[in-house]
Amino acid sequence: MQTTYKKSWLSLFLLSIIMLVLAACGNKAEEGTETEGAEGNNDSKAEETYTIEHAMGTTEITGTPKKVVILTNEGTEALLSLGVKPVGAVQSWLGEPWYEHIASDMKDVEVVGTESEINIEAIAALKPDLIIGNKMRQEKSYEQLKAIAPTVFSETLRGDWQENFKLYAKALNLEEDGQKVIDDFEARITEFKETAGDKLNQEVSVVRFMAGLTRVYYTDTFSGVIFDKLGLKHSSSVQELFADNKDDLFVREVGKEVIPKMDADILFYFTYAPPGDTEATKTEEEWTNDPLWKNLEVVKAGKAYKVDDAIWNTAGGVLAANKLLDDLEEIIMK
């Protein structure tokens, strides 16, 4: 009787062990199936093909681009803000080769010419999987570029940086990340307006000095779009300069006789002086020492501010836009 009991107990024990082993194997198999499914989904996304409509037509892109060549200054800032370091980029208009505010992030990036004169051979040597350029700058090179890699072109380079930015984010398969960058910037605008209040009820004017040229900037410019978001208005005398052509609200080249029309509550001026260019600095000195300039009410009030050309005009991207807001906050909140 005792022997029978022992055998029964032993049989139950062995049966329990077998069931536990089988259950463990089953769970492991299920885990393996889930892992394989997740990897399959990632592979599927990596191989997903999507179509981008742009200035030169449509382009199909497969997967998320990893080796990107960017052919505009504002596009370079777009990529960096999205956490994408390009393998190649056109040189900054000011800097050797990059603007000071992006230099550390652009270490080891290959220079592939300038916006106006790209280096096709250098681009091809990088074997990119995406090229982003601009119709205004590189339309004649589009066929050569798209033979190297899928190529997407923005239309223009004026005014609102956000339009091009959205295109670039879509081409990079990073639309959600791109929208967050824009939302963060718009949140800064909203916060600035709430904090500044009536201090934004001021008229402004914007002047740029170049080698032998002086320009007044208006609404369809990098700074002009940001002013509009903040509710800052250009002075009535500046508005008169653009009254003759409502379709061109970019810039006007002016002579010294126009200096009196530059008066405003706040005047911002910047100088485009690439390395080795002393003529632009001479233009600035000549104009800012002119009696007409010194007689401006805004100058006499100490509210004519020299700002950085790269930030206020040349870079033209999201990083510069945020730095421009930094400048405005410091100046307007005084």
C-alpha atoms as a PDB file:
ATOM      1  CA  MET A   1       0.000   0.000   0.000  1.00  0.00           C
ATOM      2  CA  GLN A   2       2.800   2.363   0.876  1.00  0.00           C
ATOM      3  CA  THR A   3       4.611   1.489  -2.385  1.00  0.00           C
ATOM      4  CA  THR A   4       1.511   2.276  -4.455  1.00  0.00           C
ATOM      5  CA  TYR A   5       1.153   5.664  -2.710  1.00  0.00           C
ATOM      6  CA  LYS A   6       4.796   6.513  -3.404  1.00  0.00           C
ATOM      7  CA  LYS A   7       4.431   5.598  -7.081  1.00  0.00           C
ATOM      8  CA  SER A   8       1.301   7.757  -7.410  1.00  0.00           C
ATOM      9  CA  TRP A   9       3.008  10.702  -5.750  1.00  0.00           C
ATOM     10  CA  LEU A  10       6.065  10.325  -7.984  1.00  0.00           C
ATOM     11  CA  SER A  11       3.903  10.176 -11.111  1.00  0.00           C
ATOM     12  CA  LEU A  12       2.086  13.378 -10.145  1.00  0.00           C
ATOM     13  CA  PHE A  13       5.366  15.112  -9.425  1.00  0.00           C
ATOM     14  CA  LEU A  14       6.840  14.149 -12.798  1.00  0.00           C
ATOM     15  CA  LEU A  15       3.640  15.202 -14.579  1.00  0.00           C
ATOM     16  CA  SER A  16       3.799  18.638 -12.909  1.00  0.00           C
ATOM     17  CA  ILE A  17       7.404  19.104 -14.003  1.00  0.00           C
ATOM     18  CA  ILE A  18       6.543  18.202 -17.601  1.00  0.00           C
ATOM     19  CA  MET A  19       3.607  20.685 -17.644  1.00  0.00           C
ATOM     20  CA  LEU A  20       5.801  23.488 -16.302  1.00  0.00           C
ATOM     21  CA  VAL A  21       8.460  22.833 -18.942  1.00  0.00           C
ATOM     22  CA  LEU A  22       5.873  22.796 -21.730  1.00  0.00           C
ATOM     23  CA  ALA A  23       4.320  26.058 -20.477  1.00  0.00           C
ATOM     24  CA  ALA A  24       7.721  27.755 -20.372  1.00  0.00           C
ATOM     25  CA  CYS A  25       8.488  26.638 -23.917  1.00  0.00           C
ATOM     26  CA  GLY A  26       5.124  27.936 -25.068  1.00  0.00           C
ATOM     27  CA  ASN A  27       5.714  31.364 -23.533  1.00  0.00           C
ATOM     28  CA  LYS A  28       9.170  31.564 -25.068  1.00  0.00           C
ATOM     29  CA  ALA A  29       7.756  30.693 -28.480  1.00  0.00           C
ATOM     30  CA  GLU A  30       5.129  33.444 -28.127  1.00  0.00           C
ATOM     31  CA  GLU A  31       7.784  35.956 -27.083  1.00  0.00           C
ATOM     32  CA  GLY A  32       9.849  34.966 -30.083  1.00  0.00           C
ATOM     33  CA  THR A  33       6.848  35.460 -32.359  1.00  0.00           C
ATOM     34  CA  GLU A  34       6.174  38.942 -30.921  1.00  0.00           C
ATOM     35  CA  THR A  35       9.815  39.976 -31.338  1.00  0.00           C
ATOM     36  CA  GLU A  36       9.867  38.778 -34.895  1.00  0.00           C
ATOM     37  CA  GLY A  37       6.663  40.722 -35.572  1.00  0.00           C
ATOM     38  CA  ALA A  38       8.132  43.945 -34.155  1.00  0.00           C
ATOM     39  CA  GLU A  39      11.265  43.535 -36.206  1.00  0.00           C
ATOM     40  CA  GLY A  40       9.118  42.875 -39.234  1.00  0.00           C
ATOM     41  CA  ASN A  41       7.212  46.126 -38.646  1.00  0.00           C
ATOM     42  CA  ASN A  42      10.472  48.087 -38.340  1.00  0.00           C
ATOM     43  CA  ASP A  43      11.771  46.509 -41.513  1.00  0.00           C
ATOM     44  CA  SER A  44       8.506  47.386 -43.226  1.00  0.00           C
ATOM     45  CA  LYS A  45       8.787  51.028 -42.148  1.00  0.00           C
ATOM     46  CA  ALA A  46      12.414  51.144 -43.226  1.00  0.00           C
ATOM     47  CA  GLU A  47      11.396  49.985 -46.689  1.00  0.00           C
ATOM     48  CA  GLU A  48       8.256  52.137 -46.925  1.00  0.00           C
ATOM     49  CA  THR A  49       8.122  54.234 -50.090  1.00  0.00           C
ATOM     50  CA  TYR A  50       6.479  57.658 -50.000  1.00  0.00           C
ATOM     51  CA  THR A  51       5.992  60.410 -52.578  1.00  0.00           C
ATOM     52  CA  ILE A  52       6.942  64.060 -52.071  1.00  0.00           C
ATOM     53  CA  GLU A  53       5.424  66.841 -54.183  1.00  0.00           C
ATOM     54  CA  HIS A  54       7.834  69.742 -54.579  1.00  0.00           C
ATOM     55  CA  ALA A  55       8.894  72.631 -56.814  1.00  0.00           C
ATOM     56  CA  MET A  56      10.223  70.383 -59.580  1.00  0.00           C
ATOM     57  CA  GLY A  57       7.484  67.733 -59.565  1.00  0.00           C
ATOM     58  CA  THR A  58       7.283  64.546 -57.503  1.00  0.00           C
ATOM     59  CA  THR A  59       9.961  62.349 -55.969  1.00  0.00           C
ATOM     60  CA  GLU A  60       9.689  58.870 -54.464  1.00  0.00           C
ATOM     61  CA  ILE A  61      11.757  58.155 -51.363  1.00  0.00           C
ATOM     62  CA  THR A  62      12.201  54.748 -49.745  1.00  0.00           C
ATOM     63  CA  GLY A  63      12.689  54.493 -45.999  1.00  0.00           C
ATOM     64  CA  THR A  64      14.041  57.223 -43.733  1.00  0.00           C
ATOM     65  CA  PRO A  65      17.014  58.979 -45.386  1.00  0.00           C
ATOM     66  CA  LYS A  66      20.272  58.694 -43.457  1.00  0.00           C
ATOM     67  CA  LYS A  67      22.823  60.358 -45.758  1.00  0.00           C
ATOM     68  CA  VAL A  68      21.444  63.776 -46.656  1.00  0.00           C
ATOM     69  CA  VAL A  69      23.020  66.560 -48.700  1.00  0.00           C
ATOM     70  CA  ILE A  70      21.475  69.997 -48.142  1.00  0.00           C
ATOM     71  CA  LEU A  71      21.950  72.861 -50.601  1.00  0.00           C
ATOM     72  CA  THR A  72      20.544  75.881 -48.745  1.00  0.00           C
ATOM     73  CA  ASN A  73      21.563  77.682 -45.572  1.00  0.00           C
ATOM     74  CA  GLU A  74      18.060  77.646 -44.116  1.00  0.00           C
ATOM     75  CA  GLY A  75      17.775  73.963 -44.989  1.00  0.00           C
ATOM     76  CA  THR A  76      20.909  73.223 -42.994  1.00  0.00           C
ATOM     77  CA  GLU A  77      19.251  74.747 -39.930  1.00  0.00           C
ATOM     78  CA  ALA A  78      16.116  72.699 -40.576  1.00  0.00           C
ATOM     79  CA  LEU A  79      18.093  69.451 -40.591  1.00  0.00           C
ATOM     80  CA  LEU A  80      20.016  70.317 -37.433  1.00  0.00           C
ATOM     81  CA  SER A  81      16.827  71.225 -35.572  1.00  0.00           C
ATOM     82  CA  LEU A  82      15.442  67.792 -36.490  1.00  0.00           C
ATOM     83  CA  GLY A  83      18.533  66.016 -35.191  1.00  0.00           C
ATOM     84  CA  VAL A  84      19.839  65.208 -38.669  1.00  0.00           C
ATOM     85  CA  LYS A  85      23.499  65.950 -39.350  1.00  0.00           C
ATOM     86  CA  PRO A  86      24.000  66.239 -43.116  1.00  0.00           C
ATOM     87  CA  VAL A  87      26.853  64.415 -44.813  1.00  0.00           C
ATOM     88  CA  GLY A  88      27.292  67.435 -47.067  1.00  0.00           C
ATOM     89  CA  ALA A  89      26.087  71.041 -47.123  1.00  0.00           C
ATOM     90  CA  VAL A  90      26.684  74.288 -48.957  1.00  0.00           C
ATOM     91  CA  GLN A  91      28.942  76.744 -47.186  1.00  0.00           C
ATOM     92  CA  SER A  92      27.372  79.411 -45.009  1.00  0.00           C
ATOM     93  CA  TRP A  93      27.209  82.845 -46.627  1.00  0.00           C
ATOM     94  CA  LEU A  94      29.116  84.177 -43.636  1.00  0.00           C
ATOM     95  CA  GLY A  95      31.675  81.976 -41.906  1.00  0.00           C
ATOM     96  CA  GLU A  96      34.613  79.731 -42.683  1.00  0.00           C
ATOM     97  CA  PRO A  97      32.847  77.560 -43.573  1.00  0.00           C
ATOM     98  CA  TRP A  98      29.885  77.721 -41.157  1.00  0.00           C
ATOM     99  CA  TYR A  99      27.956  80.373 -39.273  1.00  0.00           C
ATOM    100  CA  GLU A 100      29.205  80.725 -35.730  1.00  0.00           C
ATOM    101  CA  HIS A 101      25.898  79.546 -34.241  1.00  0.00           C
ATOM    102  CA  ILE A 102      26.016  76.184 -36.079  1.00  0.00           C
ATOM    103  CA  ALA A 103      29.776  75.582 -36.353  1.00  0.00           C
ATOM    104  CA  SER A 104      30.021  73.045 -33.527  1.00  0.00           C
ATOM    105  CA  ASP A 105      27.106  70.997 -34.908  1.00  0.00           C
ATOM    106  CA  MET A 106      28.607  70.959 -38.421  1.00  0.00           C
ATOM    107  CA  LYS A 107      31.983  69.494 -37.525  1.00  0.00           C
ATOM    108  CA  ASP A 108      33.220  67.059 -40.216  1.00  0.00           C
ATOM    109  CA  VAL A 109      30.373  67.905 -42.621  1.00  0.00           C
ATOM    110  CA  GLU A 110      31.637  68.068 -46.213  1.00  0.00           C
ATOM    111  CA  VAL A 111      31.361  71.428 -48.003  1.00  0.00           C
ATOM    112  CA  VAL A 112      29.704  70.954 -51.408  1.00  0.00           C
ATOM    113  CA  GLY A 113      30.036  74.472 -52.812  1.00  0.00           C
ATOM    114  CA  THR A 114      27.761  77.447 -52.197  1.00  0.00           C
ATOM    115  CA  GLU A 115      24.049  77.977 -52.768  1.00  0.00           C
ATOM    116  CA  SER A 116      24.844  79.747 -56.039  1.00  0.00           C
ATOM    117  CA  GLU A 117      27.554  77.333 -57.201  1.00  0.00           C
ATOM    118  CA  ILE A 118      27.175  73.751 -56.021  1.00  0.00           C
ATOM    119  CA  ASN A 119      29.835  71.090 -56.587  1.00  0.00           C
ATOM    120  CA  ILE A 120      28.152  68.174 -58.372  1.00  0.00           C
ATOM    121  CA  GLU A 121      31.232  65.925 -58.147  1.00  0.00           C
ATOM    122  CA  ALA A 122      31.549  66.447 -54.394  1.00  0.00           C
ATOM    123  CA  ILE A 123      27.861  65.666 -53.924  1.00  0.00           C
ATOM    124  CA  ALA A 124      28.074  62.463 -55.973  1.00  0.00           C
ATOM    125  CA  ALA A 125      31.159  61.309 -54.053  1.00  0.00           C
ATOM    126  CA  LEU A 126      29.164  61.361 -50.804  1.00  0.00           C
ATOM    127  CA  LYS A 127      26.665  58.821 -52.212  1.00  0.00           C
ATOM    128  CA  PRO A 128      23.664  60.447 -50.495  1.00  0.00           C
ATOM    129  CA  ASP A 129      20.245  58.828 -50.249  1.00  0.00           C
ATOM    130  CA  LEU A 130      18.516  62.246 -50.357  1.00  0.00           C
ATOM    131  CA  ILE A 131      19.403  65.667 -51.780  1.00  0.00           C
ATOM    132  CA  ILE A 132      17.451  68.772 -50.738  1.00  0.00           C
ATOM    133  CA  GLY A 133      17.849  71.938 -52.795  1.00  0.00           C
ATOM    134  CA  ASN A 134      16.029  75.018 -54.037  1.00  0.00           C
ATOM    135  CA  LYS A 135      14.539  75.929 -57.412  1.00  0.00           C
ATOM    136  CA  MET A 136      15.517  79.589 -57.147  1.00  0.00           C
ATOM    137  CA  ARG A 137      19.161  78.643 -56.619  1.00  0.00           C
ATOM    138  CA  GLN A 138      19.764  75.324 -58.393  1.00  0.00           C
ATOM    139  CA  GLU A 139      17.047  74.712 -60.992  1.00  0.00           C
ATOM    140  CA  LYS A 140      19.608  74.162 -63.781  1.00  0.00           C
ATOM    141  CA  SER A 141      21.293  71.388 -61.790  1.00  0.00           C
ATOM    142  CA  TYR A 142      18.156  69.441 -60.902  1.00  0.00           C
ATOM    143  CA  GLU A 143      18.506  66.738 -63.574  1.00  0.00           C
ATOM    144  CA  GLN A 144      22.115  66.061 -62.578  1.00  0.00           C
ATOM    145  CA  LEU A 145      21.208  65.925 -58.908  1.00  0.00           C
ATOM    146  CA  LYS A 146      18.286  63.547 -59.266  1.00  0.00           C
ATOM    147  CA  ALA A 147      20.541  61.193 -61.226  1.00  0.00           C
ATOM    148  CA  ILE A 148      22.664  60.943 -58.063  1.00  0.00           C
ATOM    149  CA  ALA A 149      19.880  60.441 -55.505  1.00  0.00           C
ATOM    150  CA  PRO A 150      16.202  61.272 -54.878  1.00  0.00           C
ATOM    151  CA  THR A 151      16.063  65.070 -54.946  1.00  0.00           C
ATOM    152  CA  VAL A 152      13.512  67.466 -53.438  1.00  0.00           C
ATOM    153  CA  PHE A 153      13.450  71.215 -54.194  1.00  0.00           C
ATOM    154  CA  SER A 154      11.735  74.023 -52.316  1.00  0.00           C
ATOM    155  CA  GLU A 155      10.340  76.884 -54.411  1.00  0.00           C
ATOM    156  CA  THR A 156      11.733  80.124 -52.979  1.00  0.00           C
ATOM    157  CA  LEU A 157      13.908  81.450 -50.165  1.00  0.00           C
ATOM    158  CA  ARG A 158      11.985  84.549 -49.130  1.00  0.00           C
ATOM    159  CA  GLY A 159       9.844  85.289 -46.143  1.00  0.00           C
ATOM    160  CA  ASP A 160       8.374  82.467 -44.110  1.00  0.00           C
ATOM    161  CA  TRP A 161      10.945  79.771 -43.285  1.00  0.00           C
ATOM    162  CA  GLN A 162       8.192  77.471 -42.038  1.00  0.00           C
ATOM    163  CA  GLU A 163       6.891  76.586 -45.514  1.00  0.00           C
ATOM    164  CA  ASN A 164      10.218  75.155 -46.653  1.00  0.00           C
ATOM    165  CA  PHE A 165      10.761  73.591 -43.245  1.00  0.00           C
ATOM    166  CA  LYS A 166       7.569  71.530 -43.541  1.00  0.00           C
ATOM    167  CA  LEU A 167       8.673  70.236 -46.943  1.00  0.00           C
ATOM    168  CA  TYR A 168      12.095  69.258 -45.619  1.00  0.00           C
ATOM    169  CA  ALA A 169      10.609  67.450 -42.598  1.00  0.00           C
ATOM    170  CA  LYS A 170       8.276  65.514 -44.882  1.00  0.00           C
ATOM    171  CA  ALA A 171      11.127  64.550 -47.216  1.00  0.00           C
ATOM    172  CA  LEU A 172      13.086  63.289 -44.202  1.00  0.00           C
ATOM    173  CA  ASN A 173      10.101  61.220 -43.035  1.00  0.00           C
ATOM    174  CA  LEU A 174      10.074  63.312 -39.842  1.00  0.00           C
ATOM    175  CA  GLU A 175       6.794  65.220 -40.121  1.00  0.00           C
ATOM    176  CA  GLU A 176       5.806  64.773 -36.461  1.00  0.00           C
ATOM    177  CA  ASP A 177       9.204  65.967 -35.253  1.00  0.00           C
ATOM    178  CA  GLY A 178       8.994  68.888 -37.651  1.00  0.00           C
ATOM    179  CA  GLN A 179       5.590  69.936 -36.369  1.00  0.00           C
ATOM    180  CA  LYS A 180       6.923  69.936 -32.815  1.00  0.00           C
ATOM    181  CA  VAL A 181       9.760  72.289 -33.830  1.00  0.00           C
ATOM    182  CA  ILE A 182       7.223  74.676 -35.368  1.00  0.00           C
ATOM    183  CA  ASP A 183       4.857  74.387 -32.399  1.00  0.00           C
ATOM    184  CA  ASP A 184       7.696  75.208 -29.995  1.00  0.00           C
ATOM    185  CA  PHE A 185       8.578  78.317 -32.006  1.00  0.00           C
ATOM    186  CA  GLU A 186       4.956  79.473 -32.145  1.00  0.00           C
ATOM    187  CA  ALA A 187       4.701  78.938 -28.391  1.00  0.00           C
ATOM    188  CA  ARG A 188       7.655  81.304 -27.959  1.00  0.00           C
ATOM    189  CA  ILE A 189       5.868  83.902 -30.099  1.00  0.00           C
ATOM    190  CA  THR A 190       2.720  83.607 -27.987  1.00  0.00           C
ATOM    191  CA  GLU A 191       4.644  83.856 -24.721  1.00  0.00           C
ATOM    192  CA  PHE A 192       6.626  86.860 -25.980  1.00  0.00           C
ATOM    193  CA  LYS A 193       3.435  88.691 -26.972  1.00  0.00           C
ATOM    194  CA  GLU A 194       1.839  88.012 -23.604  1.00  0.00           C
ATOM    195  CA  THR A 195       4.927  89.166 -21.705  1.00  0.00           C
ATOM    196  CA  ALA A 196       5.690  92.248 -23.797  1.00  0.00           C
ATOM    197  CA  GLY A 197       2.127  93.513 -24.097  1.00  0.00           C
ATOM    198  CA  ASP A 198       2.012  97.184 -25.132  1.00  0.00           C
ATOM    199  CA  LYS A 199       5.771  97.263 -25.673  1.00  0.00           C
ATOM    200  CA  LEU A 200       5.098  95.661 -29.046  1.00  0.00           C
ATOM    201  CA  ASN A 201       3.021  98.662 -30.110  1.00  0.00           C
ATOM    202  CA  GLN A 202       6.054 100.269 -31.734  1.00  0.00           C
ATOM    203  CA  GLU A 203       7.033 101.003 -35.320  1.00  0.00           C
ATOM    204  CA  VAL A 204      10.247  99.550 -36.687  1.00  0.00           C
ATOM    205  CA  SER A 205      12.533  99.904 -39.676  1.00  0.00           C
ATOM    206  CA  VAL A 206      15.207  97.517 -40.946  1.00  0.00           C
ATOM    207  CA  VAL A 207      18.303  98.535 -42.930  1.00  0.00           C
ATOM    208  CA  ARG A 208      21.058  96.432 -44.461  1.00  0.00           C
ATOM    209  CA  PHE A 209      24.470  97.671 -45.577  1.00  0.00           C
ATOM    210  CA  MET A 210      26.411  95.873 -48.307  1.00  0.00           C
ATOM    211  CA  ALA A 211      29.422  96.688 -50.476  1.00  0.00           C
ATOM    212  CA  GLY A 212      28.313  99.898 -52.184  1.00  0.00           C
ATOM    213  CA  LEU A 213      24.616  99.204 -51.508  1.00  0.00           C
ATOM    214  CA  THR A 214      22.057 100.046 -48.857  1.00  0.00           C
ATOM    215  CA  ARG A 215      18.669  98.376 -48.620  1.00  0.00           C
ATOM    216  CA  VAL A 216      15.500  98.879 -46.628  1.00  0.00           C
ATOM    217  CA  TYR A 217      13.818  95.576 -45.728  1.00  0.00           C
ATOM    218  CA  TYR A 218      10.066  95.110 -45.503  1.00  0.00           C
ATOM    219  CA  THR A 219       7.447  92.429 -44.773  1.00  0.00           C
ATOM    220  CA  ASP A 220       8.377  89.608 -47.193  1.00  0.00           C
ATOM    221  CA  THR A 221      11.692  89.036 -45.453  1.00  0.00           C
ATOM    222  CA  PHE A 222      12.998  86.787 -42.706  1.00  0.00           C
ATOM    223  CA  SER A 223      12.684  89.465 -40.016  1.00  0.00           C
ATOM    224  CA  GLY A 224       9.498  90.893 -41.536  1.00  0.00           C
ATOM    225  CA  VAL A 225       7.568  87.649 -41.137  1.00  0.00           C
ATOM    226  CA  ILE A 226       8.578  87.413 -37.480  1.00  0.00           C
ATOM    227  CA  PHE A 227       7.623  91.055 -36.881  1.00  0.00           C
ATOM    228  CA  ASP A 228       4.196  90.310 -38.340  1.00  0.00           C
ATOM    229  CA  LYS A 229       3.705  87.369 -35.978  1.00  0.00           C
ATOM    230  CA  LEU A 230       4.539  89.631 -33.044  1.00  0.00           C
ATOM    231  CA  GLY A 231       2.376  92.513 -34.244  1.00  0.00           C
ATOM    232  CA  LEU A 232       5.309  94.875 -34.829  1.00  0.00           C
ATOM    233  CA  LYS A 233       4.592  97.301 -37.687  1.00  0.00           C
ATOM    234  CA  HIS A 234       6.992  98.948 -40.096  1.00  0.00           C
ATOM    235  CA  SER A 235       6.971 102.733 -39.853  1.00  0.00           C
ATOM    236  CA  SER A 236       4.557 104.659 -42.063  1.00  0.00           C
ATOM    237  CA  SER A 237       7.470 106.287 -43.915  1.00  0.00           C
ATOM    238  CA  VAL A 238       8.901 102.843 -44.731  1.00  0.00           C
ATOM    239  CA  GLN A 239       5.471 101.698 -45.876  1.00  0.00           C
ATOM    240  CA  GLU A 240       5.464 104.590 -48.354  1.00  0.00           C
ATOM    241  CA  LEU A 241       8.612 103.212 -49.993  1.00  0.00           C
ATOM    242  CA  PHE A 242       6.714 100.054 -50.939  1.00  0.00           C
ATOM    243  CA  ALA A 243       3.396 101.650 -51.870  1.00  0.00           C
ATOM    244  CA  ASP A 244       4.261 101.727 -55.599  1.00  0.00           C
ATOM    245  CA  ASN A 245       4.331  97.919 -55.922  1.00  0.00           C
ATOM    246  CA  LYS A 246       2.220  95.881 -53.518  1.00  0.00           C
ATOM    247  CA  ASP A 247       3.400  92.650 -55.184  1.00  0.00           C
ATOM    248  CA  ASP A 248       7.028  93.238 -54.187  1.00  0.00           C
ATOM    249  CA  LEU A 249       7.308  93.628 -50.435  1.00  0.00           C
ATOM    250  CA  PHE A 250      10.879  92.395 -50.168  1.00  0.00           C
ATOM    251  CA  VAL A 251      13.515  95.171 -50.226  1.00  0.00           C
ATOM    252  CA  ARG A 252      14.273  98.539 -51.815  1.00  0.00           C
ATOM    253  CA  GLU A 253      17.755  99.756 -52.677  1.00  0.00           C
ATOM    254  CA  VAL A 254      18.000 103.366 -51.579  1.00  0.00           C
ATOM    255  CA  GLY A 255      20.254 106.400 -51.636  1.00  0.00           C
ATOM    256  CA  LYS A 256      21.109 108.682 -48.739  1.00  0.00           C
ATOM    257  CA  GLU A 257      18.208 110.973 -49.568  1.00  0.00           C
ATOM    258  CA  VAL A 258      15.942 108.221 -48.186  1.00  0.00           C
ATOM    259  CA  ILE A 259      17.611 108.203 -44.755  1.00  0.00           C
ATOM    260  CA  PRO A 260      14.902 110.448 -43.199  1.00  0.00           C
ATOM    261  CA  LYS A 261      12.315 107.789 -44.134  1.00  0.00           C
ATOM    262  CA  MET A 262      14.176 105.259 -41.989  1.00  0.00           C
ATOM    263  CA  ASP A 263      12.976 106.903 -38.784  1.00  0.00           C
ATOM    264  CA  ALA A 264      10.944 104.723 -36.431  1.00  0.00           C
ATOM    265  CA  ASP A 265      10.539 103.873 -32.753  1.00  0.00           C
ATOM    266  CA  ILE A 266      13.216 101.190 -33.189  1.00  0.00           C
ATOM    267  CA  LEU A 267      15.721 100.823 -36.040  1.00  0.00           C
ATOM    268  CA  PHE A 268      17.604  97.587 -36.685  1.00  0.00           C
ATOM    269  CA  TYR A 269      20.565  97.532 -39.041  1.00  0.00           C
ATOM    270  CA  PHE A 270      23.025  94.851 -40.100  1.00  0.00           C
ATOM    271  CA  THR A 271      25.952  94.575 -42.489  1.00  0.00           C
ATOM    272  CA  TYR A 272      26.706  91.804 -44.949  1.00  0.00           C
ATOM    273  CA  ALA A 273      30.494  91.569 -44.798  1.00  0.00           C
ATOM    274  CA  PRO A 274      31.914  88.173 -45.823  1.00  0.00           C
ATOM    275  CA  PRO A 275      35.497  87.421 -44.742  1.00  0.00           C
ATOM    276  CA  GLY A 276      37.862  89.777 -46.537  1.00  0.00           C
ATOM    277  CA  ASP A 277      35.112  92.197 -47.633  1.00  0.00           C
ATOM    278  CA  THR A 278      35.919  95.650 -46.267  1.00  0.00           C
ATOM    279  CA  GLU A 279      33.650  97.579 -48.635  1.00  0.00           C
ATOM    280  CA  ALA A 280      30.450  96.700 -46.792  1.00  0.00           C
ATOM    281  CA  THR A 281      31.931  97.957 -43.531  1.00  0.00           C
ATOM    282  CA  LYS A 282      32.909 101.179 -45.299  1.00  0.00           C
ATOM    283  CA  THR A 283      29.322 101.580 -46.504  1.00  0.00           C
ATOM    284  CA  GLU A 284      28.038 101.160 -42.958  1.00  0.00           C
ATOM    285  CA  GLU A 285      30.513 103.677 -41.554  1.00  0.00           C
ATOM    286  CA  GLU A 286      29.771 106.190 -44.292  1.00  0.00           C
ATOM    287  CA  TRP A 287      26.015 106.033 -43.767  1.00  0.00           C
ATOM    288  CA  THR A 288      25.950 105.898 -39.974  1.00  0.00           C
ATOM    289  CA  ASN A 289      28.257 108.925 -39.813  1.00  0.00           C
ATOM    290  CA  ASP A 290      26.152 110.926 -42.244  1.00  0.00           C
ATOM    291  CA  PRO A 291      24.406 113.971 -40.690  1.00  0.00           C
ATOM    292  CA  LEU A 292      21.041 112.727 -41.977  1.00  0.00           C
ATOM    293  CA  TRP A 293      21.491 109.457 -40.081  1.00  0.00           C
ATOM    294  CA  LYS A 294      22.660 111.193 -36.919  1.00  0.00           C
ATOM    295  CA  ASN A 295      19.625 113.467 -37.113  1.00  0.00           C
ATOM    296  CA  LEU A 296      17.129 110.588 -37.040  1.00  0.00           C
ATOM    297  CA  GLU A 297      14.983 110.718 -33.904  1.00  0.00           C
ATOM    298  CA  VAL A 298      15.507 106.996 -33.368  1.00  0.00           C
ATOM    299  CA  VAL A 299      19.289 107.466 -33.452  1.00  0.00           C
ATOM    300  CA  LYS A 300      19.190 110.424 -31.082  1.00  0.00           C
ATOM    301  CA  ALA A 301      17.019 108.360 -28.728  1.00  0.00           C
ATOM    302  CA  GLY A 302      19.618 105.578 -28.705  1.00  0.00           C
ATOM    303  CA  LYS A 303      17.251 103.069 -30.273  1.00  0.00           C
ATOM    304  CA  ALA A 304      19.181 102.228 -33.439  1.00  0.00           C
ATOM    305  CA  TYR A 305      20.565  98.735 -32.872  1.00  0.00           C
ATOM    306  CA  LYS A 306      23.229  96.957 -34.887  1.00  0.00           C
ATOM    307  CA  VAL A 307      22.376  93.263 -35.100  1.00  0.00           C
ATOM    308  CA  ASP A 308      23.979  90.195 -36.680  1.00  0.00           C
ATOM    309  CA  ASP A 309      23.412  89.816 -40.438  1.00  0.00           C
ATOM    310  CA  ALA A 310      23.643  86.020 -40.192  1.00  0.00           C
ATOM    311  CA  ILE A 311      20.871  85.851 -37.600  1.00  0.00           C
ATOM    312  CA  TRP A 312      18.633  88.585 -38.979  1.00  0.00           C
ATOM    313  CA  ASN A 313      18.846  87.758 -42.649  1.00  0.00           C
ATOM    314  CA  THR A 314      21.400  85.416 -44.170  1.00  0.00           C
ATOM    315  CA  ALA A 315      20.953  82.119 -42.298  1.00  0.00           C
ATOM    316  CA  GLY A 316      17.196  82.257 -42.739  1.00  0.00           C
ATOM    317  CA  GLY A 317      16.282  79.131 -40.773  1.00  0.00           C
ATOM    318  CA  VAL A 318      14.629  77.995 -37.570  1.00  0.00           C
ATOM    319  CA  LEU A 319      17.766  78.269 -35.421  1.00  0.00           C
ATOM    320  CA  ALA A 320      18.323  81.857 -36.545  1.00  0.00           C
ATOM    321  CA  ALA A 321      14.625  82.613 -36.022  1.00  0.00           C
ATOM    322  CA  ASN A 322      14.917  81.627 -32.380  1.00  0.00           C
ATOM    323  CA  LYS A 323      18.076  83.698 -31.958  1.00  0.00           C
ATOM    324  CA  LEU A 324      16.326  86.671 -33.575  1.00  0.00           C
ATOM    325  CA  LEU A 325      13.618  86.318 -30.934  1.00  0.00           C
ATOM    326  CA  ASP A 326      16.358  86.336 -28.289  1.00  0.00           C
ATOM    327  CA  ASP A 327      17.570  89.691 -29.663  1.00  0.00           C
ATOM    328  CA  LEU A 328      14.064  91.144 -29.782  1.00  0.00           C
ATOM    329  CA  GLU A 329      13.296  90.068 -26.238  1.00  0.00           C
ATOM    330  CA  GLU A 330      16.466  91.725 -24.978  1.00  0.00           C
ATOM    331  CA  ILE A 331      15.867  94.960 -26.902  1.00  0.00           C
ATOM    332  CA  ILE A 332      12.117  95.388 -26.517  1.00  0.00           C
ATOM    333  CA  MET A 333      11.932  94.327 -22.882  1.00  0.00           C
ATOM    334  CA  LYS A 334      14.500  96.939 -21.790  1.00  0.00           C
END
